[in-house]
Amino acid sequence: MPSKALRLAALVLSVVCCAMAKATVNTTDGGYENLLVAIEENVPYHPDIVNNIMVLFRKASQFLLVATRGKFYFKDVMILIPNTWLSISNAEVMWEDSYKDAEVQISDGFTLPGILEPVPLRAVSPNPVQLPTKYITELNGSTTAQYKKPGDRSCTLK
């Protein structure tokens, strides 16, 4: 049976790969670049959110690399944090309205991880992956128990 971390990585991989419209694939090494993960402005600061996003995409990248037999992985993932949060030393300035353009959006307004209107496999979705703040903050805790395991239709689609 796959570990909890591997199952969570599979969930992120399944919804992110269906939603990437602005991210591109580097044709020389198969790395997905310019994937934007944005945290909604009204999400209160929590010390684990940014770290858990990084862990989630690292694990999803490892899973993607294995699943595609070394062809694809997440090379460049940018995390947009709210202006109200404490500054982070390696943060770069981005446009304020980038949240709506992000491929992955994190918000208190979402109840389940997923995509609003999924599209068929091989199609590019204009809709972002939506992750509840609680899903990210409790990533190493109760996320799998509450949101079910990856592959469960109620977990990956709204």
C-alpha atoms as a PDB file:
ATOM      1  CA  MET A   1       0.000   0.000   0.000  1.00  0.00           C
ATOM      2  CA  PRO A   2       1.447   3.414  -0.962  1.00  0.00           C
ATOM      3  CA  SER A   3       2.440   5.777   1.838  1.00  0.00           C
ATOM      4  CA  LYS A   4       0.266   8.731   2.801  1.00  0.00           C
ATOM      5  CA  ALA A   5       2.808  11.112   1.262  1.00  0.00           C
ATOM      6  CA  LEU A   6       2.779   9.202  -2.023  1.00  0.00           C
ATOM      7  CA  ARG A   7      -1.026   9.213  -2.132  1.00  0.00           C
ATOM      8  CA  LEU A   8      -1.103  12.976  -1.491  1.00  0.00           C
ATOM      9  CA  ALA A   9       1.475  13.513  -4.220  1.00  0.00           C
ATOM     10  CA  ALA A  10      -0.687  11.490  -6.609  1.00  0.00           C
ATOM     11  CA  LEU A  11      -3.695  13.675  -5.793  1.00  0.00           C
ATOM     12  CA  VAL A  12      -1.830  16.899  -6.475  1.00  0.00           C
ATOM     13  CA  LEU A  13      -0.336  15.445  -9.626  1.00  0.00           C
ATOM     14  CA  SER A  14      -3.712  14.345 -10.958  1.00  0.00           C
ATOM     15  CA  VAL A  15      -5.385  17.711 -10.513  1.00  0.00           C
ATOM     16  CA  VAL A  16      -2.414  19.900 -11.438  1.00  0.00           C
ATOM     17  CA  CYS A  17      -1.619  18.112 -14.686  1.00  0.00           C
ATOM     18  CA  CYS A  18      -5.216  18.630 -15.830  1.00  0.00           C
ATOM     19  CA  ALA A  19      -5.157  22.347 -15.071  1.00  0.00           C
ATOM     20  CA  MET A  20      -1.849  23.720 -16.311  1.00  0.00           C
ATOM     21  CA  ALA A  21      -2.594  26.376 -18.886  1.00  0.00           C
ATOM     22  CA  LYS A  22       0.177  28.926 -18.286  1.00  0.00           C
ATOM     23  CA  ALA A  23       2.935  26.644 -17.096  1.00  0.00           C
ATOM     24  CA  THR A  24       5.140  25.322 -19.840  1.00  0.00           C
ATOM     25  CA  VAL A  25       7.246  22.216 -20.349  1.00  0.00           C
ATOM     26  CA  ASN A  26      10.943  22.639 -21.032  1.00  0.00           C
ATOM     27  CA  THR A  27      11.451  20.435 -24.077  1.00  0.00           C
ATOM     28  CA  THR A  28      15.090  19.712 -23.270  1.00  0.00           C
ATOM     29  CA  ASP A  29      14.563  18.185 -19.826  1.00  0.00           C
ATOM     30  CA  GLY A  30      10.784  17.739 -19.396  1.00  0.00           C
ATOM     31  CA  GLY A  31      10.545  20.144 -16.468  1.00  0.00           C
ATOM     32  CA  TYR A  32       7.273  22.011 -15.930  1.00  0.00           C
ATOM     33  CA  GLU A  33       8.200  25.689 -15.532  1.00  0.00           C
ATOM     34  CA  ASN A  34       6.362  28.786 -14.325  1.00  0.00           C
ATOM     35  CA  LEU A  35       3.706  26.904 -12.380  1.00  0.00           C
ATOM     36  CA  LEU A  36       2.085  29.502 -10.127  1.00  0.00           C
ATOM     37  CA  VAL A  37       0.599  28.517  -6.769  1.00  0.00           C
ATOM     38  CA  ALA A  38      -1.210  31.473  -5.185  1.00  0.00           C
ATOM     39  CA  ILE A  39      -2.561  31.914  -1.676  1.00  0.00           C
ATOM     40  CA  GLU A  40      -5.652  34.117  -1.502  1.00  0.00           C
ATOM     41  CA  GLU A  41      -5.152  37.487   0.176  1.00  0.00           C
ATOM     42  CA  ASN A  42      -7.618  36.791   3.023  1.00  0.00           C
ATOM     43  CA  VAL A  43      -5.899  33.545   4.137  1.00  0.00           C
ATOM     44  CA  PRO A  44      -4.366  34.169   7.575  1.00  0.00           C
ATOM     45  CA  TYR A  45      -0.654  33.506   7.991  1.00  0.00           C
ATOM     46  CA  HIS A  46       0.218  29.996   9.127  1.00  0.00           C
ATOM     47  CA  PRO A  47       3.865  28.940   9.459  1.00  0.00           C
ATOM     48  CA  ASP A  48       3.320  25.572   7.743  1.00  0.00           C
ATOM     49  CA  ILE A  49       1.539  26.683   4.560  1.00  0.00           C
ATOM     50  CA  VAL A  50       4.538  27.621   2.395  1.00  0.00           C
ATOM     51  CA  ASN A  51       6.625  24.698   3.654  1.00  0.00           C
ATOM     52  CA  ASN A  52       3.777  22.234   3.034  1.00  0.00           C
ATOM     53  CA  ILE A  53       3.288  23.557  -0.509  1.00  0.00           C
ATOM     54  CA  MET A  54       6.993  23.008  -1.194  1.00  0.00           C
ATOM     55  CA  VAL A  55       6.877  19.490   0.273  1.00  0.00           C
ATOM     56  CA  LEU A  56       3.710  18.675  -1.676  1.00  0.00           C
ATOM     57  CA  PHE A  57       5.205  19.703  -5.017  1.00  0.00           C
ATOM     58  CA  ARG A  58       8.532  18.003  -4.285  1.00  0.00           C
ATOM     59  CA  LYS A  59       6.703  14.733  -3.650  1.00  0.00           C
ATOM     60  CA  ALA A  60       4.381  15.261  -6.620  1.00  0.00           C
ATOM     61  CA  SER A  61       7.430  15.946  -8.792  1.00  0.00           C
ATOM     62  CA  GLN A  62       9.082  12.710  -7.663  1.00  0.00           C
ATOM     63  CA  PHE A  63       5.846  10.838  -8.363  1.00  0.00           C
ATOM     64  CA  LEU A  64       5.523  12.453 -11.809  1.00  0.00           C
ATOM     65  CA  LEU A  65       9.121  11.576 -12.663  1.00  0.00           C
ATOM     66  CA  VAL A  66       8.553   7.918 -11.763  1.00  0.00           C
ATOM     67  CA  ALA A  67       5.091   7.755 -13.386  1.00  0.00           C
ATOM     68  CA  THR A  68       6.419   9.145 -16.677  1.00  0.00           C
ATOM     69  CA  ARG A  69       9.592   7.030 -16.583  1.00  0.00           C
ATOM     70  CA  GLY A  70      11.846  10.044 -16.118  1.00  0.00           C
ATOM     71  CA  LYS A  71      10.248  12.274 -18.748  1.00  0.00           C
ATOM     72  CA  PHE A  72       8.484  14.964 -16.680  1.00  0.00           C
ATOM     73  CA  TYR A  73       8.810  16.705 -13.311  1.00  0.00           C
ATOM     74  CA  PHE A  74       8.027  20.048 -11.650  1.00  0.00           C
ATOM     75  CA  LYS A  75      11.079  22.223 -12.281  1.00  0.00           C
ATOM     76  CA  ASP A  76       9.911  25.728 -11.374  1.00  0.00           C
ATOM     77  CA  VAL A  77       7.023  26.289  -8.964  1.00  0.00           C
ATOM     78  CA  MET A  78       6.384  29.853  -7.775  1.00  0.00           C
ATOM     79  CA  ILE A  79       4.394  30.506  -4.600  1.00  0.00           C
ATOM     80  CA  LEU A  80       2.519  33.803  -4.364  1.00  0.00           C
ATOM     81  CA  ILE A  81       1.918  34.798  -0.744  1.00  0.00           C
ATOM     82  CA  PRO A  82      -0.514  37.472   0.471  1.00  0.00           C
ATOM     83  CA  ASN A  83       0.882  40.987   0.932  1.00  0.00           C
ATOM     84  CA  THR A  84      -0.316  40.894   4.541  1.00  0.00           C
ATOM     85  CA  TRP A  85       2.051  38.062   5.480  1.00  0.00           C
ATOM     86  CA  LEU A  86       5.482  38.547   6.947  1.00  0.00           C
ATOM     87  CA  SER A  87       8.127  38.997   4.304  1.00  0.00           C
ATOM     88  CA  ILE A  88      10.034  35.899   3.276  1.00  0.00           C
ATOM     89  CA  SER A  89      13.743  36.340   2.588  1.00  0.00           C
ATOM     90  CA  ASN A  90      13.803  34.780  -0.895  1.00  0.00           C
ATOM     91  CA  ALA A  91      10.457  36.214  -2.039  1.00  0.00           C
ATOM     92  CA  GLU A  92      10.153  38.137  -5.299  1.00  0.00           C
ATOM     93  CA  VAL A  93       7.633  40.861  -6.098  1.00  0.00           C
ATOM     94  CA  MET A  94       4.759  39.811  -8.389  1.00  0.00           C
ATOM     95  CA  TRP A  95       1.716  41.584  -9.778  1.00  0.00           C
ATOM     96  CA  GLU A  96      -1.070  41.928  -7.223  1.00  0.00           C
ATOM     97  CA  ASP A  97      -3.727  40.364  -9.455  1.00  0.00           C
ATOM     98  CA  SER A  98      -1.721  37.183 -10.097  1.00  0.00           C
ATOM     99  CA  TYR A  99      -3.998  35.129  -7.820  1.00  0.00           C
ATOM    100  CA  LYS A 100      -6.695  34.844 -10.470  1.00  0.00           C
ATOM    101  CA  ASP A 101      -4.091  33.750 -13.043  1.00  0.00           C
ATOM    102  CA  ALA A 102      -2.560  31.008 -10.881  1.00  0.00           C
ATOM    103  CA  GLU A 103      -2.779  27.359 -11.935  1.00  0.00           C
ATOM    104  CA  VAL A 104      -3.192  26.389  -8.278  1.00  0.00           C
ATOM    105  CA  GLN A 105      -5.228  28.548  -5.889  1.00  0.00           C
ATOM    106  CA  ILE A 106      -5.337  28.145  -2.117  1.00  0.00           C
ATOM    107  CA  SER A 107      -8.308  29.682  -0.317  1.00  0.00           C
ATOM    108  CA  ASP A 108     -10.474  29.387   2.784  1.00  0.00           C
ATOM    109  CA  GLY A 109     -13.454  29.454   0.401  1.00  0.00           C
ATOM    110  CA  PHE A 110     -12.805  25.988  -1.024  1.00  0.00           C
ATOM    111  CA  THR A 111     -14.198  22.942   0.764  1.00  0.00           C
ATOM    112  CA  LEU A 112     -12.670  20.137  -1.339  1.00  0.00           C
ATOM    113  CA  PRO A 113      -9.527  19.913  -3.449  1.00  0.00           C
ATOM    114  CA  GLY A 114     -10.294  19.792  -7.155  1.00  0.00           C
ATOM    115  CA  ILE A 115     -11.047  21.646 -10.360  1.00  0.00           C
ATOM    116  CA  LEU A 116     -14.318  23.525 -10.810  1.00  0.00           C
ATOM    117  CA  GLU A 117     -15.012  22.169 -14.302  1.00  0.00           C
ATOM    118  CA  PRO A 118     -12.725  19.266 -15.183  1.00  0.00           C
ATOM    119  CA  VAL A 119     -11.861  18.677 -18.825  1.00  0.00           C
ATOM    120  CA  PRO A 120     -11.158  15.415 -20.648  1.00  0.00           C
ATOM    121  CA  LEU A 121      -7.709  13.882 -20.399  1.00  0.00           C
ATOM    122  CA  ARG A 122      -5.223  15.505 -22.818  1.00  0.00           C
ATOM    123  CA  ALA A 123      -7.151  18.787 -22.796  1.00  0.00           C
ATOM    124  CA  VAL A 124      -5.872  21.916 -21.067  1.00  0.00           C
ATOM    125  CA  SER A 125      -8.197  23.359 -18.465  1.00  0.00           C
ATOM    126  CA  PRO A 126      -8.610  27.115 -18.134  1.00  0.00           C
ATOM    127  CA  ASN A 127      -9.747  26.486 -14.567  1.00  0.00           C
ATOM    128  CA  PRO A 128      -7.269  26.439 -11.686  1.00  0.00           C
ATOM    129  CA  VAL A 129      -6.745  23.627  -9.228  1.00  0.00           C
ATOM    130  CA  GLN A 130      -8.465  24.708  -6.012  1.00  0.00           C
ATOM    131  CA  LEU A 131      -7.057  23.626  -2.656  1.00  0.00           C
ATOM    132  CA  PRO A 132      -8.622  24.483   0.702  1.00  0.00           C
ATOM    133  CA  THR A 133      -6.302  26.233   3.155  1.00  0.00           C
ATOM    134  CA  LYS A 134      -7.031  23.536   5.721  1.00  0.00           C
ATOM    135  CA  TYR A 135      -5.890  20.877   3.225  1.00  0.00           C
ATOM    136  CA  ILE A 136      -2.482  22.555   3.002  1.00  0.00           C
ATOM    137  CA  THR A 137      -2.047  23.448   6.683  1.00  0.00           C
ATOM    138  CA  GLU A 138      -2.871  19.905   7.809  1.00  0.00           C
ATOM    139  CA  LEU A 139      -0.968  18.197   5.012  1.00  0.00           C
ATOM    140  CA  ASN A 140       1.112  16.058   7.330  1.00  0.00           C
ATOM    141  CA  GLY A 141      -1.749  15.441   9.717  1.00  0.00           C
ATOM    142  CA  SER A 142      -5.370  14.680   8.935  1.00  0.00           C
ATOM    143  CA  THR A 143      -5.554  15.600   5.224  1.00  0.00           C
ATOM    144  CA  THR A 144      -5.851  12.051   3.888  1.00  0.00           C
ATOM    145  CA  ALA A 145      -8.407  11.065   6.509  1.00  0.00           C
ATOM    146  CA  GLN A 146     -10.607  14.085   5.828  1.00  0.00           C
ATOM    147  CA  TYR A 147     -10.299  14.374   2.042  1.00  0.00           C
ATOM    148  CA  LYS A 148     -10.007  10.658   1.249  1.00  0.00           C
ATOM    149  CA  LYS A 149      -7.295   8.974  -0.763  1.00  0.00           C
ATOM    150  CA  PRO A 150      -6.223  10.088  -4.254  1.00  0.00           C
ATOM    151  CA  GLY A 151      -8.224   8.523  -7.032  1.00  0.00           C
ATOM    152  CA  ASP A 152     -11.534   8.800  -5.180  1.00  0.00           C
ATOM    153  CA  ARG A 153     -13.747  10.808  -7.582  1.00  0.00           C
ATOM    154  CA  SER A 154     -15.244  12.897  -4.783  1.00  0.00           C
ATOM    155  CA  CYS A 155     -11.731  13.922  -3.835  1.00  0.00           C
ATOM    156  CA  THR A 156     -10.437  15.012  -7.227  1.00  0.00           C
ATOM    157  CA  LEU A 157     -13.541  16.506  -8.822  1.00  0.00           C
ATOM    158  CA  LYS A 158     -16.160  18.950  -7.605  1.00  0.00           C
END
